[in-house]
Amino acid sequence: FSEDAAVYAYRAFGSFLVGHLLLEV
């Protein structure tokens, strides 16, 4: 991953987890 791609991945991954898991719990 480039630095930009790694940051993009972290943000997208974080948004995915927060959205799904806050709903689930």
mmCIF file of all heavy atoms, coordinates in Angstrom:
data_MODEL
# 
_entry.id   MODEL 
# 
loop_
_atom_site.group_PDB 
_atom_site.id 
_atom_site.type_symbol 
_atom_site.label_atom_id 
_atom_site.label_alt_id 
_atom_site.label_comp_id 
_atom_site.label_asym_id 
_atom_site.label_entity_id 
_atom_site.label_seq_id 
_atom_site.pdbx_PDB_ins_code 
_atom_site.Cartn_x 
_atom_site.Cartn_y 
_atom_site.Cartn_z 
_atom_site.occupancy 
_atom_site.B_iso_or_equiv 
_atom_site.pdbx_formal_charge 
_atom_site.auth_seq_id 
_atom_site.auth_comp_id 
_atom_site.auth_asym_id 
_atom_site.auth_atom_id 
_atom_site.pdbx_PDB_model_num 
ATOM 1   N N   . PHE A 1 1  ? 0.844   -1.197 0.000  1.00 0.00 ? 1  PHE A N   1 
ATOM 2   C CA  . PHE A 1 1  ? 0.000   0.000  0.000  1.00 0.00 ? 1  PHE A CA  1 
ATOM 3   C C   . PHE A 1 1  ? 0.878   1.247  0.000  1.00 0.00 ? 1  PHE A C   1 
ATOM 4   O O   . PHE A 1 1  ? 1.904   1.297  0.697  1.00 0.00 ? 1  PHE A O   1 
ATOM 5   C CB  . PHE A 1 1  ? -0.898  0.038  1.233  1.00 0.00 ? 1  PHE A CB  1 
ATOM 6   C CG  . PHE A 1 1  ? -2.150  -0.778 1.126  1.00 0.00 ? 1  PHE A CG  1 
ATOM 7   C CD1 . PHE A 1 1  ? -2.094  -2.165 1.070  1.00 0.00 ? 1  PHE A CD1 1 
ATOM 8   C CD2 . PHE A 1 1  ? -3.388  -0.166 1.087  1.00 0.00 ? 1  PHE A CD2 1 
ATOM 9   C CE1 . PHE A 1 1  ? -3.247  -2.921 0.966  1.00 0.00 ? 1  PHE A CE1 1 
ATOM 10  C CE2 . PHE A 1 1  ? -4.559  -0.914 0.992  1.00 0.00 ? 1  PHE A CE2 1 
ATOM 11  C CZ  . PHE A 1 1  ? -4.489  -2.301 0.938  1.00 0.00 ? 1  PHE A CZ  1 
ATOM 12  N N   . SER A 1 2  ? 0.469   2.239  -0.770 1.00 0.00 ? 2  SER A N   1 
ATOM 13  C CA  . SER A 1 2  ? 1.093   3.553  -0.617 1.00 0.00 ? 2  SER A CA  1 
ATOM 14  C C   . SER A 1 2  ? 0.598   4.167  0.687  1.00 0.00 ? 2  SER A C   1 
ATOM 15  O O   . SER A 1 2  ? -0.358  3.675  1.292  1.00 0.00 ? 2  SER A O   1 
ATOM 16  C CB  . SER A 1 2  ? 0.716   4.449  -1.801 1.00 0.00 ? 2  SER A CB  1 
ATOM 17  O OG  . SER A 1 2  ? -0.680  4.758  -1.759 1.00 0.00 ? 2  SER A OG  1 
ATOM 18  N N   . GLU A 1 3  ? 1.229   5.253  1.113  1.00 0.00 ? 3  GLU A N   1 
ATOM 19  C CA  . GLU A 1 3  ? 0.786   5.910  2.341  1.00 0.00 ? 3  GLU A CA  1 
ATOM 20  C C   . GLU A 1 3  ? -0.650  6.409  2.205  1.00 0.00 ? 3  GLU A C   1 
ATOM 21  O O   . GLU A 1 3  ? -1.465  6.271  3.128  1.00 0.00 ? 3  GLU A O   1 
ATOM 22  C CB  . GLU A 1 3  ? 1.730   7.056  2.694  1.00 0.00 ? 3  GLU A CB  1 
ATOM 23  C CG  . GLU A 1 3  ? 3.112   6.586  3.120  1.00 0.00 ? 3  GLU A CG  1 
ATOM 24  C CD  . GLU A 1 3  ? 4.021   7.735  3.512  1.00 0.00 ? 3  GLU A CD  1 
ATOM 25  O OE1 . GLU A 1 3  ? 3.594   8.908  3.368  1.00 0.00 ? 3  GLU A OE1 1 
ATOM 26  O OE2 . GLU A 1 3  ? 5.146   7.460  3.967  1.00 0.00 ? 3  GLU A OE2 1 
ATOM 27  N N   . ASP A 1 4  ? -0.978  7.002  1.055  1.00 0.00 ? 4  ASP A N   1 
ATOM 28  C CA  . ASP A 1 4  ? -2.343  7.486  0.841  1.00 0.00 ? 4  ASP A CA  1 
ATOM 29  C C   . ASP A 1 4  ? -3.342  6.339  0.844  1.00 0.00 ? 4  ASP A C   1 
ATOM 30  O O   . ASP A 1 4  ? -4.444  6.460  1.403  1.00 0.00 ? 4  ASP A O   1 
ATOM 31  C CB  . ASP A 1 4  ? -2.440  8.248  -0.479 1.00 0.00 ? 4  ASP A CB  1 
ATOM 32  C CG  . ASP A 1 4  ? -1.814  9.631  -0.414 1.00 0.00 ? 4  ASP A CG  1 
ATOM 33  O OD1 . ASP A 1 4  ? -1.788  10.208 0.690  1.00 0.00 ? 4  ASP A OD1 1 
ATOM 34  O OD2 . ASP A 1 4  ? -1.345  10.122 -1.446 1.00 0.00 ? 4  ASP A OD2 1 
ATOM 35  N N   . ALA A 1 5  ? -2.983  5.221  0.222  1.00 0.00 ? 5  ALA A N   1 
ATOM 36  C CA  . ALA A 1 5  ? -3.892  4.079  0.160  1.00 0.00 ? 5  ALA A CA  1 
ATOM 37  C C   . ALA A 1 5  ? -4.076  3.460  1.541  1.00 0.00 ? 5  ALA A C   1 
ATOM 38  O O   . ALA A 1 5  ? -5.169  3.006  1.890  1.00 0.00 ? 5  ALA A O   1 
ATOM 39  C CB  . ALA A 1 5  ? -3.365  3.031  -0.821 1.00 0.00 ? 5  ALA A CB  1 
ATOM 40  N N   . ALA A 1 6  ? -3.014  3.445  2.347  1.00 0.00 ? 6  ALA A N   1 
ATOM 41  C CA  . ALA A 1 6  ? -3.116  2.888  3.700  1.00 0.00 ? 6  ALA A CA  1 
ATOM 42  C C   . ALA A 1 6  ? -4.038  3.741  4.570  1.00 0.00 ? 6  ALA A C   1 
ATOM 43  O O   . ALA A 1 6  ? -4.860  3.210  5.325  1.00 0.00 ? 6  ALA A O   1 
ATOM 44  C CB  . ALA A 1 6  ? -1.731  2.786  4.337  1.00 0.00 ? 6  ALA A CB  1 
ATOM 45  N N   . VAL A 1 7  ? -3.917  5.060  4.457  1.00 0.00 ? 7  VAL A N   1 
ATOM 46  C CA  . VAL A 1 7  ? -4.790  5.950  5.226  1.00 0.00 ? 7  VAL A CA  1 
ATOM 47  C C   . VAL A 1 7  ? -6.235  5.805  4.755  1.00 0.00 ? 7  VAL A C   1 
ATOM 48  O O   . VAL A 1 7  ? -7.167  5.752  5.574  1.00 0.00 ? 7  VAL A O   1 
ATOM 49  C CB  . VAL A 1 7  ? -4.313  7.411  5.091  1.00 0.00 ? 7  VAL A CB  1 
ATOM 50  C CG1 . VAL A 1 7  ? -5.349  8.378  5.666  1.00 0.00 ? 7  VAL A CG1 1 
ATOM 51  C CG2 . VAL A 1 7  ? -2.972  7.588  5.799  1.00 0.00 ? 7  VAL A CG2 1 
ATOM 52  N N   . TYR A 1 8  ? -6.423  5.727  3.443  1.00 0.00 ? 8  TYR A N   1 
ATOM 53  C CA  . TYR A 1 8  ? -7.772  5.525  2.903  1.00 0.00 ? 8  TYR A CA  1 
ATOM 54  C C   . TYR A 1 8  ? -8.358  4.222  3.437  1.00 0.00 ? 8  TYR A C   1 
ATOM 55  O O   . TYR A 1 8  ? -9.532  4.165  3.832  1.00 0.00 ? 8  TYR A O   1 
ATOM 56  C CB  . TYR A 1 8  ? -7.713  5.498  1.376  1.00 0.00 ? 8  TYR A CB  1 
ATOM 57  C CG  . TYR A 1 8  ? -9.025  5.164  0.715  1.00 0.00 ? 8  TYR A CG  1 
ATOM 58  C CD1 . TYR A 1 8  ? -9.965  6.155  0.455  1.00 0.00 ? 8  TYR A CD1 1 
ATOM 59  C CD2 . TYR A 1 8  ? -9.322  3.854  0.350  1.00 0.00 ? 8  TYR A CD2 1 
ATOM 60  C CE1 . TYR A 1 8  ? -11.181 5.850  -0.149 1.00 0.00 ? 8  TYR A CE1 1 
ATOM 61  C CE2 . TYR A 1 8  ? -10.531 3.544  -0.249 1.00 0.00 ? 8  TYR A CE2 1 
ATOM 62  C CZ  . TYR A 1 8  ? -11.459 4.536  -0.505 1.00 0.00 ? 8  TYR A CZ  1 
ATOM 63  O OH  . TYR A 1 8  ? -12.652 4.216  -1.088 1.00 0.00 ? 8  TYR A OH  1 
ATOM 64  N N   . ALA A 1 9  ? -7.545  3.163  3.446  1.00 0.00 ? 9  ALA A N   1 
ATOM 65  C CA  . ALA A 1 9  ? -8.012  1.859  3.928  1.00 0.00 ? 9  ALA A CA  1 
ATOM 66  C C   . ALA A 1 9  ? -8.391  1.930  5.401  1.00 0.00 ? 9  ALA A C   1 
ATOM 67  O O   . ALA A 1 9  ? -9.418  1.377  5.814  1.00 0.00 ? 9  ALA A O   1 
ATOM 68  C CB  . ALA A 1 9  ? -6.938  0.800  3.716  1.00 0.00 ? 9  ALA A CB  1 
ATOM 69  N N   . TYR A 1 10 ? -7.589  2.615  6.206  1.00 0.00 ? 10 TYR A N   1 
ATOM 70  C CA  . TYR A 1 10 ? -7.917  2.723  7.631  1.00 0.00 ? 10 TYR A CA  1 
ATOM 71  C C   . TYR A 1 10 ? -9.237  3.458  7.831  1.00 0.00 ? 10 TYR A C   1 
ATOM 72  O O   . TYR A 1 10 ? -10.081 3.038  8.630  1.00 0.00 ? 10 TYR A O   1 
ATOM 73  C CB  . TYR A 1 10 ? -6.803  3.431  8.403  1.00 0.00 ? 10 TYR A CB  1 
ATOM 74  C CG  . TYR A 1 10 ? -7.201  3.629  9.848  1.00 0.00 ? 10 TYR A CG  1 
ATOM 75  C CD1 . TYR A 1 10 ? -7.184  2.551  10.724 1.00 0.00 ? 10 TYR A CD1 1 
ATOM 76  C CD2 . TYR A 1 10 ? -7.681  4.848  10.309 1.00 0.00 ? 10 TYR A CD2 1 
ATOM 77  C CE1 . TYR A 1 10 ? -7.609  2.694  12.043 1.00 0.00 ? 10 TYR A CE1 1 
ATOM 78  C CE2 . TYR A 1 10 ? -8.107  4.999  11.616 1.00 0.00 ? 10 TYR A CE2 1 
ATOM 79  C CZ  . TYR A 1 10 ? -8.062  3.922  12.477 1.00 0.00 ? 10 TYR A CZ  1 
ATOM 80  O OH  . TYR A 1 10 ? -8.510  4.065  13.763 1.00 0.00 ? 10 TYR A OH  1 
ATOM 81  N N   . ARG A 1 11 ? -9.431  4.549  7.112  1.00 0.00 ? 11 ARG A N   1 
ATOM 82  C CA  . ARG A 1 11 ? -10.668 5.318  7.269  1.00 0.00 ? 11 ARG A CA  1 
ATOM 83  C C   . ARG A 1 11 ? -11.884 4.504  6.824  1.00 0.00 ? 11 ARG A C   1 
ATOM 84  O O   . ARG A 1 11 ? -12.920 4.483  7.501  1.00 0.00 ? 11 ARG A O   1 
ATOM 85  C CB  . ARG A 1 11 ? -10.572 6.611  6.468  1.00 0.00 ? 11 ARG A CB  1 
ATOM 86  C CG  . ARG A 1 11 ? -9.605  7.626  7.079  1.00 0.00 ? 11 ARG A CG  1 
ATOM 87  C CD  . ARG A 1 11 ? -9.468  8.849  6.212  1.00 0.00 ? 11 ARG A CD  1 
ATOM 88  N NE  . ARG A 1 11 ? -8.656  9.876  6.860  1.00 0.00 ? 11 ARG A NE  1 
ATOM 89  C CZ  . ARG A 1 11 ? -8.219  10.968 6.253  1.00 0.00 ? 11 ARG A CZ  1 
ATOM 90  N NH1 . ARG A 1 11 ? -8.512  11.182 4.983  1.00 0.00 ? 11 ARG A NH1 1 
ATOM 91  N NH2 . ARG A 1 11 ? -7.493  11.847 6.907  1.00 0.00 ? 11 ARG A NH2 1 
ATOM 92  N N   . ALA A 1 12 ? -11.768 3.841  5.674  1.00 0.00 ? 12 ALA A N   1 
ATOM 93  C CA  . ALA A 1 12 ? -12.896 3.054  5.170  1.00 0.00 ? 12 ALA A CA  1 
ATOM 94  C C   . ALA A 1 12 ? -13.181 1.872  6.095  1.00 0.00 ? 12 ALA A C   1 
ATOM 95  O O   . ALA A 1 12 ? -14.340 1.543  6.373  1.00 0.00 ? 12 ALA A O   1 
ATOM 96  C CB  . ALA A 1 12 ? -12.602 2.570  3.755  1.00 0.00 ? 12 ALA A CB  1 
ATOM 97  N N   . PHE A 1 13 ? -12.128 1.233  6.569  1.00 0.00 ? 13 PHE A N   1 
ATOM 98  C CA  . PHE A 1 13 ? -12.263 0.089  7.466  1.00 0.00 ? 13 PHE A CA  1 
ATOM 99  C C   . PHE A 1 13 ? -12.912 0.525  8.780  1.00 0.00 ? 13 PHE A C   1 
ATOM 100 O O   . PHE A 1 13 ? -13.808 -0.152 9.296  1.00 0.00 ? 13 PHE A O   1 
ATOM 101 C CB  . PHE A 1 13 ? -10.873 -0.493 7.712  1.00 0.00 ? 13 PHE A CB  1 
ATOM 102 C CG  . PHE A 1 13 ? -10.849 -1.792 8.461  1.00 0.00 ? 13 PHE A CG  1 
ATOM 103 C CD1 . PHE A 1 13 ? -11.248 -2.978 7.853  1.00 0.00 ? 13 PHE A CD1 1 
ATOM 104 C CD2 . PHE A 1 13 ? -10.388 -1.846 9.760  1.00 0.00 ? 13 PHE A CD2 1 
ATOM 105 C CE1 . PHE A 1 13 ? -11.206 -4.185 8.545  1.00 0.00 ? 13 PHE A CE1 1 
ATOM 106 C CE2 . PHE A 1 13 ? -10.341 -3.043 10.461 1.00 0.00 ? 13 PHE A CE2 1 
ATOM 107 C CZ  . PHE A 1 13 ? -10.746 -4.212 9.840  1.00 0.00 ? 13 PHE A CZ  1 
ATOM 108 N N   . GLY A 1 14 ? -12.466 1.666  9.296  1.00 0.00 ? 14 GLY A N   1 
ATOM 109 C CA  . GLY A 1 14 ? -13.034 2.174  10.534 1.00 0.00 ? 14 GLY A CA  1 
ATOM 110 C C   . GLY A 1 14 ? -14.503 2.522  10.395 1.00 0.00 ? 14 GLY A C   1 
ATOM 111 O O   . GLY A 1 14 ? -15.320 2.195  11.265 1.00 0.00 ? 14 GLY A O   1 
ATOM 112 N N   . SER A 1 15 ? -14.859 3.182  9.292  1.00 0.00 ? 15 SER A N   1 
ATOM 113 C CA  . SER A 1 15 ? -16.262 3.543  9.075  1.00 0.00 ? 15 SER A CA  1 
ATOM 114 C C   . SER A 1 15 ? -17.132 2.295  8.976  1.00 0.00 ? 15 SER A C   1 
ATOM 115 O O   . SER A 1 15 ? -18.245 2.253  9.512  1.00 0.00 ? 15 SER A O   1 
ATOM 116 C CB  . SER A 1 15 ? -16.395 4.374  7.792  1.00 0.00 ? 15 SER A CB  1 
ATOM 117 O OG  . SER A 1 15 ? -15.724 5.605  7.924  1.00 0.00 ? 15 SER A OG  1 
ATOM 118 N N   . PHE A 1 16 ? -16.621 1.281  8.293  1.00 0.00 ? 16 PHE A N   1 
ATOM 119 C CA  . PHE A 1 16 ? -17.356 0.025  8.155  1.00 0.00 ? 16 PHE A CA  1 
ATOM 120 C C   . PHE A 1 16 ? -17.601 -0.610 9.524  1.00 0.00 ? 16 PHE A C   1 
ATOM 121 O O   . PHE A 1 16 ? -18.727 -1.003 9.857  1.00 0.00 ? 16 PHE A O   1 
ATOM 122 C CB  . PHE A 1 16 ? -16.571 -0.929 7.250  1.00 0.00 ? 16 PHE A CB  1 
ATOM 123 C CG  . PHE A 1 16 ? -16.974 -2.373 7.389  1.00 0.00 ? 16 PHE A CG  1 
ATOM 124 C CD1 . PHE A 1 16 ? -18.168 -2.839 6.840  1.00 0.00 ? 16 PHE A CD1 1 
ATOM 125 C CD2 . PHE A 1 16 ? -16.161 -3.267 8.072  1.00 0.00 ? 16 PHE A CD2 1 
ATOM 126 C CE1 . PHE A 1 16 ? -18.543 -4.166 6.971  1.00 0.00 ? 16 PHE A CE1 1 
ATOM 127 C CE2 . PHE A 1 16 ? -16.530 -4.592 8.208  1.00 0.00 ? 16 PHE A CE2 1 
ATOM 128 C CZ  . PHE A 1 16 ? -17.722 -5.049 7.660  1.00 0.00 ? 16 PHE A CZ  1 
ATOM 129 N N   . LEU A 1 17 ? -16.560 -0.713 10.340 1.00 0.00 ? 17 LEU A N   1 
ATOM 130 C CA  . LEU A 1 17 ? -16.703 -1.366 11.632 1.00 0.00 ? 17 LEU A CA  1 
ATOM 131 C C   . LEU A 1 17 ? -17.616 -0.587 12.573 1.00 0.00 ? 17 LEU A C   1 
ATOM 132 O O   . LEU A 1 17 ? -18.471 -1.174 13.247 1.00 0.00 ? 17 LEU A O   1 
ATOM 133 C CB  . LEU A 1 17 ? -15.328 -1.557 12.283 1.00 0.00 ? 17 LEU A CB  1 
ATOM 134 C CG  . LEU A 1 17 ? -14.441 -2.637 11.673 1.00 0.00 ? 17 LEU A CG  1 
ATOM 135 C CD1 . LEU A 1 17 ? -13.093 -2.673 12.377 1.00 0.00 ? 17 LEU A CD1 1 
ATOM 136 C CD2 . LEU A 1 17 ? -15.096 -4.005 11.743 1.00 0.00 ? 17 LEU A CD2 1 
ATOM 137 N N   . VAL A 1 18 ? -17.432 0.722  12.613 1.00 0.00 ? 18 VAL A N   1 
ATOM 138 C CA  . VAL A 1 18 ? -18.278 1.530  13.497 1.00 0.00 ? 18 VAL A CA  1 
ATOM 139 C C   . VAL A 1 18 ? -19.741 1.400  13.095 1.00 0.00 ? 18 VAL A C   1 
ATOM 140 O O   . VAL A 1 18 ? -20.624 1.175  13.937 1.00 0.00 ? 18 VAL A O   1 
ATOM 141 C CB  . VAL A 1 18 ? -17.835 3.008  13.471 1.00 0.00 ? 18 VAL A CB  1 
ATOM 142 C CG1 . VAL A 1 18 ? -18.878 3.891  14.146 1.00 0.00 ? 18 VAL A CG1 1 
ATOM 143 C CG2 . VAL A 1 18 ? -16.495 3.177  14.174 1.00 0.00 ? 18 VAL A CG2 1 
ATOM 144 N N   . GLY A 1 19 ? -20.005 1.522  11.798 1.00 0.00 ? 19 GLY A N   1 
ATOM 145 C CA  . GLY A 1 19 ? -21.389 1.459  11.341 1.00 0.00 ? 19 GLY A CA  1 
ATOM 146 C C   . GLY A 1 19 ? -22.054 0.141  11.654 1.00 0.00 ? 19 GLY A C   1 
ATOM 147 O O   . GLY A 1 19 ? -23.166 0.097  12.209 1.00 0.00 ? 19 GLY A O   1 
ATOM 148 N N   . HIS A 1 20 ? -21.373 -0.962 11.347 1.00 0.00 ? 20 HIS A N   1 
ATOM 149 C CA  . HIS A 1 20 ? -21.973 -2.272 11.562 1.00 0.00 ? 20 HIS A CA  1 
ATOM 150 C C   . HIS A 1 20 ? -22.058 -2.632 13.039 1.00 0.00 ? 20 HIS A C   1 
ATOM 151 O O   . HIS A 1 20 ? -23.086 -3.121 13.516 1.00 0.00 ? 20 HIS A O   1 
ATOM 152 C CB  . HIS A 1 20 ? -21.173 -3.345 10.813 1.00 0.00 ? 20 HIS A CB  1 
ATOM 153 C CG  . HIS A 1 20 ? -21.682 -3.603 9.436  1.00 0.00 ? 20 HIS A CG  1 
ATOM 154 N ND1 . HIS A 1 20 ? -22.649 -4.532 9.155  1.00 0.00 ? 20 HIS A ND1 1 
ATOM 155 C CD2 . HIS A 1 20 ? -21.372 -3.030 8.262  1.00 0.00 ? 20 HIS A CD2 1 
ATOM 156 C CE1 . HIS A 1 20 ? -22.905 -4.532 7.857  1.00 0.00 ? 20 HIS A CE1 1 
ATOM 157 N NE2 . HIS A 1 20 ? -22.138 -3.627 7.291  1.00 0.00 ? 20 HIS A NE2 1 
ATOM 158 N N   . LEU A 1 21 ? -20.970 -2.416 13.764 1.00 0.00 ? 21 LEU A N   1 
ATOM 159 C CA  . LEU A 1 21 ? -20.913 -2.948 15.119 1.00 0.00 ? 21 LEU A CA  1 
ATOM 160 C C   . LEU A 1 21 ? -21.696 -2.108 16.116 1.00 0.00 ? 21 LEU A C   1 
ATOM 161 O O   . LEU A 1 21 ? -22.261 -2.655 17.065 1.00 0.00 ? 21 LEU A O   1 
ATOM 162 C CB  . LEU A 1 21 ? -19.454 -3.112 15.547 1.00 0.00 ? 21 LEU A CB  1 
ATOM 163 C CG  . LEU A 1 21 ? -18.675 -4.121 14.694 1.00 0.00 ? 21 LEU A CG  1 
ATOM 164 C CD1 . LEU A 1 21 ? -17.245 -4.264 15.200 1.00 0.00 ? 21 LEU A CD1 1 
ATOM 165 C CD2 . LEU A 1 21 ? -19.365 -5.481 14.658 1.00 0.00 ? 21 LEU A CD2 1 
ATOM 166 N N   . LEU A 1 22 ? -21.737 -0.803 15.939 1.00 0.00 ? 22 LEU A N   1 
ATOM 167 C CA  . LEU A 1 22 ? -22.590 -0.014 16.831 1.00 0.00 ? 22 LEU A CA  1 
ATOM 168 C C   . LEU A 1 22 ? -24.050 -0.397 16.654 1.00 0.00 ? 22 LEU A C   1 
ATOM 169 O O   . LEU A 1 22 ? -24.816 -0.424 17.625 1.00 0.00 ? 22 LEU A O   1 
ATOM 170 C CB  . LEU A 1 22 ? -22.399 1.484  16.582 1.00 0.00 ? 22 LEU A CB  1 
ATOM 171 C CG  . LEU A 1 22 ? -21.116 2.100  17.129 1.00 0.00 ? 22 LEU A CG  1 
ATOM 172 C CD1 . LEU A 1 22 ? -21.067 3.590  16.810 1.00 0.00 ? 22 LEU A CD1 1 
ATOM 173 C CD2 . LEU A 1 22 ? -20.980 1.882  18.629 1.00 0.00 ? 22 LEU A CD2 1 
ATOM 174 N N   . LEU A 1 23 ? -24.437 -0.706 15.424 1.00 0.00 ? 23 LEU A N   1 
ATOM 175 C CA  . LEU A 1 23 ? -25.799 -1.188 15.195 1.00 0.00 ? 23 LEU A CA  1 
ATOM 176 C C   . LEU A 1 23 ? -26.001 -2.527 15.877 1.00 0.00 ? 23 LEU A C   1 
ATOM 177 O O   . LEU A 1 23 ? -27.015 -2.769 16.541 1.00 0.00 ? 23 LEU A O   1 
ATOM 178 C CB  . LEU A 1 23 ? -26.060 -1.319 13.694 1.00 0.00 ? 23 LEU A CB  1 
ATOM 179 C CG  . LEU A 1 23 ? -27.361 -2.011 13.287 1.00 0.00 ? 23 LEU A CG  1 
ATOM 180 C CD1 . LEU A 1 23 ? -28.565 -1.195 13.755 1.00 0.00 ? 23 LEU A CD1 1 
ATOM 181 C CD2 . LEU A 1 23 ? -27.407 -2.210 11.776 1.00 0.00 ? 23 LEU A CD2 1 
ATOM 182 N N   . GLU A 1 24 ? -25.029 -3.407 15.749 1.00 0.00 ? 24 GLU A N   1 
ATOM 183 C CA  . GLU A 1 24 ? -25.188 -4.765 16.259 1.00 0.00 ? 24 GLU A CA  1 
ATOM 184 C C   . GLU A 1 24 ? -25.215 -4.822 17.782 1.00 0.00 ? 24 GLU A C   1 
ATOM 185 O O   . GLU A 1 24 ? -25.898 -5.663 18.371 1.00 0.00 ? 24 GLU A O   1 
ATOM 186 C CB  . GLU A 1 24 ? -24.076 -5.662 15.709 1.00 0.00 ? 24 GLU A CB  1 
ATOM 187 C CG  . GLU A 1 24 ? -24.353 -7.129 15.851 1.00 0.00 ? 24 GLU A CG  1 
ATOM 188 C CD  . GLU A 1 24 ? -23.510 -7.995 14.931 1.00 0.00 ? 24 GLU A CD  1 
ATOM 189 O OE1 . GLU A 1 24 ? -22.666 -7.453 14.193 1.00 0.00 ? 24 GLU A OE1 1 
ATOM 190 O OE2 . GLU A 1 24 ? -23.694 -9.224 14.969 1.00 0.00 ? 24 GLU A OE2 1 
ATOM 191 N N   . VAL A 1 25 ? -24.462 -3.954 18.425 1.00 0.00 ? 25 VAL A N   1 
ATOM 192 C CA  . VAL A 1 25 ? -24.403 -4.019 19.890 1.00 0.00 ? 25 VAL A CA  1 
ATOM 193 C C   . VAL A 1 25 ? -25.392 -3.065 20.555 1.00 0.00 ? 25 VAL A C   1 
ATOM 194 O O   . VAL A 1 25 ? -25.452 -3.003 21.784 1.00 0.00 ? 25 VAL A O   1 
ATOM 195 C CB  . VAL A 1 25 ? -22.984 -3.704 20.420 1.00 0.00 ? 25 VAL A CB  1 
ATOM 196 C CG1 . VAL A 1 25 ? -21.957 -4.619 19.793 1.00 0.00 ? 25 VAL A CG1 1 
ATOM 197 C CG2 . VAL A 1 25 ? -22.603 -2.238 20.178 1.00 0.00 ? 25 VAL A CG2 1 
# 
